[in-house]
Amino acid sequence: MPQAKEGLGMETPCGERYSQRVMHSENSTTHADGDLSGQRLGGYRLVRRLGSGAMADVYLAEQESLGRQVAVKVLRPETLRHPSAVQRFSQEARAAAALVHGNIVQIHEVACIDGIYFLAEEYVAGPTLKAWLANRGPLDARQSLAVLAHVGSALARSAEQGVVHRDIKPENLLVTPSGEVKVADFGLARVLATADGLDLTQDGMTLGTPLYMSPEQAEGKAVDSRSDLYSLGATVYHLLAGRPPFLGATSLAVALAHIKEPPVPIAQMRPDVPVGLSDIIDRLLCKRPADRFADPTELLHAVEVVETAIAPGSRHMPSPLSWSGDGNSFAGHAGGFGRRSDLSATAMAHTGPMWAHARTIEAREATGRLQSAMDLEQQEEAKECALSRRFWLATGAVAGMAMVAGFAIGRSRPSRSTLFRSTRQRR
């Protein structure tokens, strides 16, 4: 089994050692073969490849020490040729690991073993919203409000930590069988304020997906949480309308449209959408950040107002995105849903444009339990450290006293010459 090298950790950027590890990675026949399914990487057994992204391959894996399923993201050899990509990979772990929340995919470990950079994270056994849209068609009002609440709650947490995701899109939003939406892939996240001054996406650099990119991000300007809110608005627009707010022949054309052109109002694309929901989306897609919601918390308040107005008491209902018991399983993050056909005005009239906060509340409670468990673990570790310090201090004190006593006894013993003189005198 390959031996673990120095891990990236939560604060180690690796710096000048990139070139050495890249060479090691390129000489590794294991990684050069491509698919690592069936092999072991540290304490993880890679079961099968789930998919591939722009930088890495993602595997379903078993963490052997805990017997649980996790997702392992492995950087490709060609990605390792670009040190900035490795920095961004490490940054994803540092940014996301600090965000403990029920609607954020949790990071377990990031490391480098025999030149193979990998990240182990929570495995979400469900589709992305992009796959949901392709298999079931556009969302209804209840489902869209649920997406706004779940993702808005995650963005509120990231905003508290000074983190901007920068790449909110359907592909980065995962749906659990119980209907929870989890935000993944903080690879483009920008830490607004860090002790070490880390800022891999300075002003003038444009990162993200043009279909959902805010105007200020497309122009390479400074961004904050309101940029993520714009991307969330563009995402929900796509999930409702079946198409993004802007299309174009090139990425540049799409980016310019975000900067200059007004989108077709969602109320025109989906007349069945409640006015309150369409107003929220319109505000999220305002060109000027100052015209949007001030922060994710204000968005959550607006969503709650719409819920209360159209469906009092709906928080006790199941999540409208729950799919585990609907007879349509989801296999391999690629398909398996039955296509929905209940988006007509008649169906909307029967179901009502409402959604529930029940699952959101459960996520918040789970977040609280997780945070409490982490705090308790830290307290136990602190106690153990304190006991260890007291033990070694006591041991040192006893040893010091013993040395002093020994020195005193040695000084009080008569010298050898004195003993000999005493013997001669008796003779």
Protein backbone atom coordinates (compact mmCIF):
# COMPACT_ATOMS: atom_id res chain seq x y z
CA MET A 1 0.00 0.00 0.00
CA PRO A 2 1.41 3.44 -0.81
CA GLN A 3 2.61 5.45 2.13
CA ALA A 4 1.02 8.79 2.93
CA LYS A 5 3.11 11.85 2.23
CA GLU A 6 2.59 15.22 3.84
CA GLY A 7 -1.12 15.98 3.49
CA LEU A 8 -2.43 19.27 2.24
CA GLY A 9 -4.20 19.66 5.58
CA MET A 10 -6.41 22.59 6.36
CA GLU A 11 -3.73 25.23 6.04
CA THR A 12 -0.87 23.76 4.01
CA PRO A 13 -0.74 25.18 0.45
CA CYS A 14 2.29 23.00 -0.48
CA GLY A 15 3.89 25.97 -2.21
CA GLU A 16 7.20 25.23 -3.94
CA ARG A 17 6.81 21.45 -3.60
CA TYR A 18 4.19 21.33 -6.38
CA SER A 19 6.68 20.62 -9.17
CA GLN A 20 8.23 17.69 -7.29
CA ARG A 21 4.86 16.09 -6.61
CA VAL A 22 3.69 16.63 -10.17
CA MET A 23 6.71 14.71 -11.45
CA HIS A 24 5.99 11.94 -8.94
CA SER A 25 2.37 11.79 -10.07
CA GLU A 26 3.30 11.55 -13.75
CA ASN A 27 5.61 8.63 -13.00
CA SER A 28 2.89 6.80 -11.09
CA THR A 29 1.57 3.95 -13.23
CA THR A 30 -1.39 3.48 -10.90
CA HIS A 31 -2.80 6.94 -11.56
CA ALA A 32 -1.80 7.02 -15.22
CA ASP A 33 -4.05 4.02 -15.89
CA GLY A 34 -7.09 6.26 -15.51
CA ASP A 35 -9.84 4.42 -13.65
CA LEU A 36 -8.80 3.64 -10.06
CA SER A 37 -11.90 1.57 -9.25
CA GLY A 38 -11.11 -1.42 -7.02
CA GLN A 39 -7.89 0.08 -5.64
CA ARG A 40 -7.10 1.50 -2.21
CA LEU A 41 -6.08 5.06 -1.54
CA GLY A 42 -4.99 5.53 2.05
CA GLY A 43 -7.87 4.34 4.20
CA TYR A 44 -10.35 4.33 1.33
CA ARG A 45 -11.34 1.54 -1.04
CA LEU A 46 -12.48 3.01 -4.35
CA VAL A 47 -15.61 1.12 -5.41
CA ARG A 48 -16.51 2.71 -8.73
CA ARG A 49 -16.15 5.95 -10.63
CA LEU A 50 -19.22 8.15 -10.35
CA GLY A 51 -18.19 10.78 -12.87
CA SER A 52 -15.61 13.29 -13.96
CA GLY A 53 -15.35 17.05 -13.69
CA ALA A 54 -13.06 19.64 -15.19
CA MET A 55 -10.28 18.95 -12.68
CA ALA A 56 -10.89 15.57 -11.08
CA ASP A 57 -12.54 12.15 -11.16
CA VAL A 58 -15.10 11.34 -8.47
CA TYR A 59 -15.36 7.85 -6.96
CA LEU A 60 -17.78 6.13 -4.63
CA ALA A 61 -15.52 4.75 -1.90
CA GLU A 62 -15.68 2.95 1.42
CA GLN A 63 -13.87 4.45 4.37
CA GLU A 64 -12.61 1.21 5.87
CA SER A 65 -11.96 2.54 9.38
CA LEU A 66 -15.59 3.63 9.84
CA GLY A 67 -17.31 1.33 7.36
CA ARG A 68 -19.15 4.19 5.65
CA GLN A 69 -19.57 5.33 2.07
CA VAL A 70 -17.82 8.53 1.02
CA ALA A 71 -17.10 10.33 -2.23
CA VAL A 72 -13.41 10.62 -3.14
CA LYS A 73 -12.34 13.28 -5.63
CA VAL A 74 -8.98 12.49 -7.30
CA LEU A 75 -7.08 15.11 -9.30
CA ARG A 76 -6.14 14.04 -12.81
CA PRO A 77 -2.47 13.93 -13.85
CA GLU A 78 -3.05 16.64 -16.45
CA THR A 79 -4.55 18.88 -13.75
CA LEU A 80 -1.42 18.49 -11.64
CA ARG A 81 0.63 20.16 -14.38
CA HIS A 82 -1.00 23.43 -13.30
CA PRO A 83 0.01 24.43 -9.76
CA SER A 84 -2.89 26.91 -9.56
CA ALA A 85 -5.33 24.03 -10.05
CA VAL A 86 -3.78 22.17 -7.12
CA GLN A 87 -4.06 25.34 -5.05
CA ARG A 88 -7.74 25.63 -5.93
CA PHE A 89 -8.24 21.96 -5.05
CA SER A 90 -6.68 22.55 -1.65
CA GLN A 91 -8.69 25.73 -1.23
CA GLU A 92 -11.92 23.79 -1.76
CA ALA A 93 -11.13 21.66 1.25
CA ARG A 94 -10.10 24.58 3.45
CA ALA A 95 -13.14 26.65 2.57
CA ALA A 96 -15.72 23.86 2.79
CA ALA A 97 -14.26 22.18 5.89
CA ALA A 98 -14.99 25.33 7.88
CA LEU A 99 -18.65 25.27 6.84
CA VAL A 100 -20.56 22.90 9.12
CA HIS A 101 -24.14 22.91 7.89
CA GLY A 102 -26.83 20.39 6.96
CA ASN A 103 -27.17 21.84 3.45
CA ILE A 104 -23.44 21.78 2.65
CA VAL A 105 -21.54 18.67 1.57
CA GLN A 106 -19.07 18.01 4.39
CA ILE A 107 -15.33 17.54 3.78
CA HIS A 108 -13.67 14.67 5.69
CA GLU A 109 -10.04 14.71 4.55
CA VAL A 110 -7.66 16.08 1.94
CA ALA A 111 -4.26 14.47 1.34
CA CYS A 112 -1.56 13.49 -1.11
CA ILE A 113 -0.42 9.84 -1.32
CA ASP A 114 2.34 8.85 -3.77
CA GLY A 115 1.70 11.97 -5.81
CA ILE A 116 -2.06 11.40 -5.98
CA TYR A 117 -4.02 14.36 -4.62
CA PHE A 118 -7.45 13.44 -3.33
CA LEU A 119 -10.29 14.77 -1.25
CA ALA A 120 -12.75 12.64 0.74
CA GLU A 121 -16.17 14.13 1.35
CA GLU A 122 -19.72 13.24 2.32
CA TYR A 123 -21.43 10.95 -0.19
CA VAL A 124 -24.88 12.18 -1.22
CA ALA A 125 -26.90 9.31 -2.65
CA GLY A 126 -28.96 11.39 -5.02
CA PRO A 127 -29.05 13.36 -8.27
CA THR A 128 -27.90 16.84 -9.09
CA LEU A 129 -30.64 19.28 -9.95
CA LYS A 130 -29.30 19.23 -13.50
CA ALA A 131 -30.04 15.49 -13.66
CA TRP A 132 -33.41 16.05 -12.02
CA LEU A 133 -34.32 18.63 -14.67
CA ALA A 134 -33.22 16.32 -17.49
CA ASN A 135 -35.20 13.35 -16.16
CA ARG A 136 -38.28 14.92 -14.60
CA GLY A 137 -38.61 18.28 -16.27
CA PRO A 138 -39.00 21.73 -14.68
CA LEU A 139 -39.75 22.13 -10.99
CA ASP A 140 -43.06 23.32 -9.63
CA ALA A 141 -43.45 26.28 -7.28
CA ARG A 142 -43.18 24.23 -4.09
CA GLN A 143 -39.97 22.57 -5.22
CA SER A 144 -38.44 25.87 -6.35
CA LEU A 145 -39.17 27.49 -3.01
CA ALA A 146 -37.55 24.51 -1.29
CA VAL A 147 -34.41 24.99 -3.39
CA LEU A 148 -34.32 28.68 -2.47
CA ALA A 149 -34.69 27.87 1.23
CA HIS A 150 -32.12 25.07 1.37
CA VAL A 151 -29.46 26.74 -0.75
CA GLY A 152 -30.17 30.13 0.84
CA SER A 153 -29.59 28.57 4.26
CA ALA A 154 -26.25 27.13 3.07
CA LEU A 155 -25.20 30.49 1.62
CA ALA A 156 -26.13 32.22 4.86
CA ARG A 157 -23.70 29.94 6.67
CA SER A 158 -20.94 30.50 4.12
CA ALA A 159 -21.49 34.26 4.27
CA GLU A 160 -21.00 34.14 8.04
CA GLN A 161 -17.58 32.60 7.40
CA GLY A 162 -16.70 35.14 4.69
CA VAL A 163 -16.82 32.56 1.90
CA VAL A 164 -18.31 33.17 -1.56
CA HIS A 165 -19.05 30.00 -3.53
CA ARG A 166 -18.77 31.67 -6.98
CA ASP A 167 -20.19 28.70 -8.89
CA ILE A 168 -23.79 28.06 -7.80
CA LYS A 169 -25.46 26.06 -10.58
CA PRO A 170 -27.72 22.98 -10.95
CA GLU A 171 -24.69 20.67 -11.32
CA ASN A 172 -23.44 21.68 -7.86
CA LEU A 173 -26.74 21.14 -6.05
CA LEU A 174 -27.45 17.57 -4.89
CA VAL A 175 -30.82 16.20 -3.75
CA THR A 176 -30.96 13.55 -1.03
CA PRO A 177 -33.70 10.88 -1.01
CA SER A 178 -35.47 12.80 1.78
CA GLY A 179 -35.54 15.94 -0.36
CA GLU A 180 -32.69 17.95 1.15
CA VAL A 181 -30.64 20.09 -1.25
CA LYS A 182 -26.91 20.14 -0.48
CA VAL A 183 -24.39 22.57 -1.96
CA ALA A 184 -21.20 20.95 -3.28
CA ASP A 185 -17.92 21.99 -4.89
CA PHE A 186 -16.37 24.99 -3.23
CA GLY A 187 -13.43 24.70 -5.65
CA LEU A 188 -13.97 28.24 -6.88
CA ALA A 189 -14.77 29.64 -3.46
CA ARG A 190 -13.06 32.83 -2.45
CA VAL A 191 -12.19 33.35 1.18
CA LEU A 192 -12.78 37.04 1.65
CA ALA A 193 -10.72 37.41 4.80
CA THR A 194 -8.03 34.91 5.77
CA ALA A 195 -5.14 35.07 8.14
CA ASP A 196 -2.62 34.00 5.52
CA GLY A 197 -3.92 36.38 2.87
CA LEU A 198 -5.01 33.56 0.56
CA ASP A 199 -6.93 34.96 -2.40
CA LEU A 200 -6.57 32.88 -5.52
CA THR A 201 -9.26 34.77 -7.42
CA GLN A 202 -8.15 38.38 -7.39
CA ASP A 203 -10.13 41.16 -9.07
CA GLY A 204 -9.76 40.87 -12.81
CA MET A 205 -10.03 37.08 -12.82
CA THR A 206 -13.30 35.59 -14.03
CA LEU A 207 -14.20 32.14 -12.73
CA GLY A 208 -17.51 30.34 -12.71
CA THR A 209 -20.12 29.18 -15.21
CA PRO A 210 -21.32 31.88 -17.65
CA LEU A 211 -24.91 30.58 -17.73
CA TYR A 212 -25.38 31.53 -14.06
CA MET A 213 -22.67 34.17 -13.54
CA SER A 214 -23.46 37.50 -11.91
CA PRO A 215 -22.72 40.69 -13.90
CA GLU A 216 -19.98 41.79 -11.50
CA GLN A 217 -18.34 38.38 -11.68
CA ALA A 218 -18.50 38.42 -15.50
CA GLU A 219 -16.75 41.80 -15.45
CA GLY A 220 -14.03 40.52 -13.13
CA LYS A 221 -15.04 42.83 -10.29
CA ALA A 222 -15.03 42.12 -6.56
CA VAL A 223 -17.85 39.80 -5.45
CA ASP A 224 -19.63 39.03 -2.20
CA SER A 225 -22.58 36.90 -1.12
CA ARG A 226 -24.93 38.88 -3.37
CA SER A 227 -23.12 37.40 -6.38
CA ASP A 228 -24.04 33.91 -5.13
CA LEU A 229 -27.65 35.11 -4.73
CA TYR A 230 -27.69 36.17 -8.40
CA SER A 231 -26.39 32.74 -9.43
CA LEU A 232 -29.05 31.11 -7.25
CA GLY A 233 -31.71 33.21 -8.96
CA ALA A 234 -30.41 32.19 -12.39
CA THR A 235 -30.39 28.55 -11.28
CA VAL A 236 -33.97 28.57 -10.01
CA TYR A 237 -35.03 30.46 -13.16
CA HIS A 238 -33.57 27.59 -15.20
CA LEU A 239 -35.25 24.96 -13.01
CA LEU A 240 -38.64 26.65 -13.49
CA ALA A 241 -38.39 27.74 -17.13
CA GLY A 242 -36.44 24.75 -18.43
CA ARG A 243 -33.73 27.07 -19.81
CA PRO A 244 -31.26 29.56 -18.31
CA PRO A 245 -32.15 33.26 -18.29
CA PHE A 246 -29.65 33.92 -21.11
CA LEU A 247 -28.34 31.85 -24.00
CA GLY A 248 -25.69 32.63 -26.60
CA ALA A 249 -23.41 31.15 -29.21
CA THR A 250 -20.35 31.76 -27.04
CA SER A 251 -19.53 32.14 -23.37
CA LEU A 252 -18.66 35.77 -24.01
CA ALA A 253 -22.09 36.41 -25.52
CA VAL A 254 -23.78 34.89 -22.48
CA ALA A 255 -21.62 36.90 -20.09
CA LEU A 256 -22.41 40.15 -21.94
CA ALA A 257 -26.11 39.32 -21.75
CA HIS A 258 -25.86 38.98 -17.98
CA ILE A 259 -24.21 42.39 -17.86
CA LYS A 260 -26.48 44.33 -20.22
CA GLU A 261 -29.73 42.55 -21.14
CA PRO A 262 -32.85 42.08 -19.01
CA PRO A 263 -34.11 38.47 -18.79
CA VAL A 264 -37.57 37.45 -19.92
CA PRO A 265 -39.61 37.68 -16.68
CA ILE A 266 -40.22 34.30 -15.09
CA ALA A 267 -43.91 35.21 -14.80
CA GLN A 268 -44.01 35.28 -18.60
CA MET A 269 -42.16 31.96 -18.91
CA ARG A 270 -44.29 30.29 -16.21
CA PRO A 271 -47.62 32.06 -15.69
CA ASP A 272 -48.57 29.51 -13.01
CA VAL A 273 -45.79 30.67 -10.68
CA PRO A 274 -47.12 32.63 -7.66
CA VAL A 275 -46.45 36.36 -7.71
CA GLY A 276 -44.40 36.22 -4.52
CA LEU A 277 -42.03 33.63 -5.99
CA SER A 278 -41.64 35.48 -9.29
CA ASP A 279 -40.88 38.69 -7.37
CA ILE A 280 -38.12 36.90 -5.44
CA ILE A 281 -36.51 35.61 -8.65
CA ASP A 282 -36.77 38.99 -10.35
CA ARG A 283 -35.02 40.63 -7.40
CA LEU A 284 -32.30 37.99 -7.31
CA LEU A 285 -31.55 38.71 -10.99
CA CYS A 286 -31.14 42.46 -10.61
CA LYS A 287 -28.03 43.75 -12.39
CA ARG A 288 -26.86 45.94 -9.52
CA PRO A 289 -25.92 44.06 -6.32
CA ALA A 290 -27.50 46.85 -4.26
CA ASP A 291 -30.88 46.07 -5.82
CA ARG A 292 -30.80 42.41 -4.76
CA PHE A 293 -31.34 41.00 -1.30
CA ALA A 294 -28.72 42.39 1.07
CA ASP A 295 -27.66 38.90 2.15
CA PRO A 296 -28.95 35.30 2.20
CA THR A 297 -30.72 35.85 5.51
CA GLU A 298 -32.93 38.53 3.95
CA LEU A 299 -33.73 36.10 1.13
CA LEU A 300 -34.79 33.45 3.67
CA HIS A 301 -37.12 35.93 5.33
CA ALA A 302 -38.72 36.74 1.97
CA VAL A 303 -39.20 33.04 1.20
CA GLU A 304 -40.83 32.50 4.58
CA VAL A 305 -43.22 35.39 3.95
CA VAL A 306 -44.32 33.82 0.66
CA GLU A 307 -44.82 30.46 2.34
CA THR A 308 -46.89 31.93 5.14
CA ALA A 309 -49.03 33.89 2.70
CA ILE A 310 -49.88 31.02 0.37
CA ALA A 311 -49.79 27.95 2.63
CA PRO A 312 -50.01 28.48 6.39
CA GLY A 313 -48.94 25.39 8.30
CA SER A 314 -47.20 23.80 5.33
CA ARG A 315 -44.01 23.30 7.34
CA HIS A 316 -45.49 20.03 8.61
CA MET A 317 -45.70 18.61 5.10
CA PRO A 318 -42.99 16.36 3.56
CA SER A 319 -40.32 17.95 1.42
CA PRO A 320 -41.60 18.47 -2.15
CA LEU A 321 -38.21 17.24 -3.42
CA SER A 322 -38.35 13.90 -1.62
CA TRP A 323 -37.99 11.05 -4.10
CA SER A 324 -37.12 7.95 -2.04
CA GLY A 325 -40.70 6.74 -1.73
CA ASP A 326 -42.19 7.80 -5.05
CA GLY A 327 -41.46 4.53 -6.85
CA ASN A 328 -38.71 6.06 -8.98
CA SER A 329 -35.21 5.32 -7.76
CA PHE A 330 -32.17 7.23 -8.86
CA ALA A 331 -29.14 5.25 -10.00
CA GLY A 332 -25.63 6.47 -10.48
CA HIS A 333 -26.33 10.22 -10.58
CA ALA A 334 -27.39 9.86 -14.21
CA GLY A 335 -31.00 8.79 -14.41
CA GLY A 336 -33.78 6.65 -13.03
CA PHE A 337 -36.39 9.30 -12.29
CA GLY A 338 -39.81 9.13 -13.77
CA ARG A 339 -40.53 12.26 -15.79
CA ARG A 340 -43.04 14.57 -14.15
CA SER A 341 -46.07 15.65 -16.11
CA ASP A 342 -47.95 17.49 -13.36
CA LEU A 343 -46.91 21.03 -14.25
CA SER A 344 -50.23 22.06 -15.76
CA ALA A 345 -52.37 24.79 -14.26
CA THR A 346 -54.94 22.15 -13.19
CA ALA A 347 -52.35 20.17 -11.27
CA MET A 348 -51.03 23.35 -9.68
CA ALA A 349 -54.54 24.24 -8.60
CA HIS A 350 -54.91 20.89 -6.84
CA THR A 351 -51.50 20.88 -5.14
CA GLY A 352 -51.24 24.57 -4.39
CA PRO A 353 -48.00 26.54 -4.77
CA MET A 354 -46.70 25.72 -1.32
CA TRP A 355 -43.77 23.99 0.27
CA ALA A 356 -42.59 22.90 3.69
CA HIS A 357 -39.86 24.05 6.02
CA ALA A 358 -39.93 20.71 7.83
CA ARG A 359 -36.84 19.36 6.11
CA THR A 360 -35.06 22.69 6.45
CA ILE A 361 -35.73 22.62 10.18
CA GLU A 362 -34.40 19.05 10.34
CA ALA A 363 -31.26 20.17 8.50
CA ARG A 364 -30.74 23.00 10.96
CA GLU A 365 -31.25 20.62 13.89
CA ALA A 366 -28.80 18.16 12.32
CA THR A 367 -26.34 21.02 11.89
CA GLY A 368 -26.72 21.90 15.55
CA ARG A 369 -26.18 18.30 16.62
CA LEU A 370 -23.11 18.03 14.40
CA GLN A 371 -21.68 21.27 15.77
CA SER A 372 -22.40 20.15 19.35
CA ALA A 373 -20.66 16.84 18.72
CA MET A 374 -17.63 18.64 17.31
CA ASP A 375 -17.57 21.03 20.29
CA LEU A 376 -17.81 18.10 22.71
CA GLU A 377 -14.98 16.32 20.94
CA GLN A 378 -12.84 19.44 21.16
CA GLN A 379 -13.64 19.76 24.87
CA GLU A 380 -12.64 16.13 25.48
CA GLU A 381 -9.41 16.67 23.59
CA ALA A 382 -8.73 19.78 25.67
CA LYS A 383 -9.33 17.81 28.87
CA GLU A 384 -6.98 15.07 27.72
CA CYS A 385 -4.32 17.64 26.88
CA ALA A 386 -4.74 19.28 30.30
CA LEU A 387 -4.46 15.93 32.10
CA SER A 388 -1.40 15.07 30.05
CA ARG A 389 0.21 18.39 30.89
CA ARG A 390 -0.50 17.92 34.62
CA PHE A 391 0.93 14.40 34.52
CA TRP A 392 4.16 15.49 32.90
CA LEU A 393 4.47 18.51 35.18
CA ALA A 394 4.03 16.28 38.23
CA THR A 395 6.49 13.76 36.83
CA GLY A 396 9.00 16.54 36.17
CA ALA A 397 8.55 17.93 39.68
CA VAL A 398 9.10 14.49 41.27
CA ALA A 399 12.17 13.93 39.10
CA GLY A 400 13.51 17.36 40.05
CA MET A 401 12.96 16.69 43.76
CA ALA A 402 14.69 13.33 43.41
CA MET A 403 17.68 14.96 41.76
CA VAL A 404 17.90 17.60 44.51
CA ALA A 405 17.64 14.94 47.22
CA GLY A 406 20.30 12.82 45.54
CA PHE A 407 22.60 15.79 45.24
CA ALA A 408 22.10 16.67 48.91
CA ILE A 409 22.81 13.09 50.04
CA GLY A 410 25.91 12.97 47.88
CA ARG A 411 27.20 16.18 49.40
CA SER A 412 26.61 14.95 52.97
CA ARG A 413 28.54 11.63 52.60
CA PRO A 414 32.15 11.66 53.98
CA SER A 415 34.91 11.64 51.44
CA ARG A 416 37.02 8.53 50.77
CA SER A 417 40.15 10.07 52.43
CA THR A 418 38.21 10.76 55.62
CA LEU A 419 37.03 7.17 55.81
CA PHE A 420 40.60 5.90 55.44
CA ARG A 421 41.88 8.25 58.17
CA SER A 422 39.20 7.06 60.57
CA THR A 423 40.23 3.44 59.98
CA ARG A 424 43.92 4.13 60.61
CA GLN A 425 43.19 5.96 63.84
CA ARG A 426 41.23 3.01 65.23
CA ARG A 427 44.15 0.74 64.43
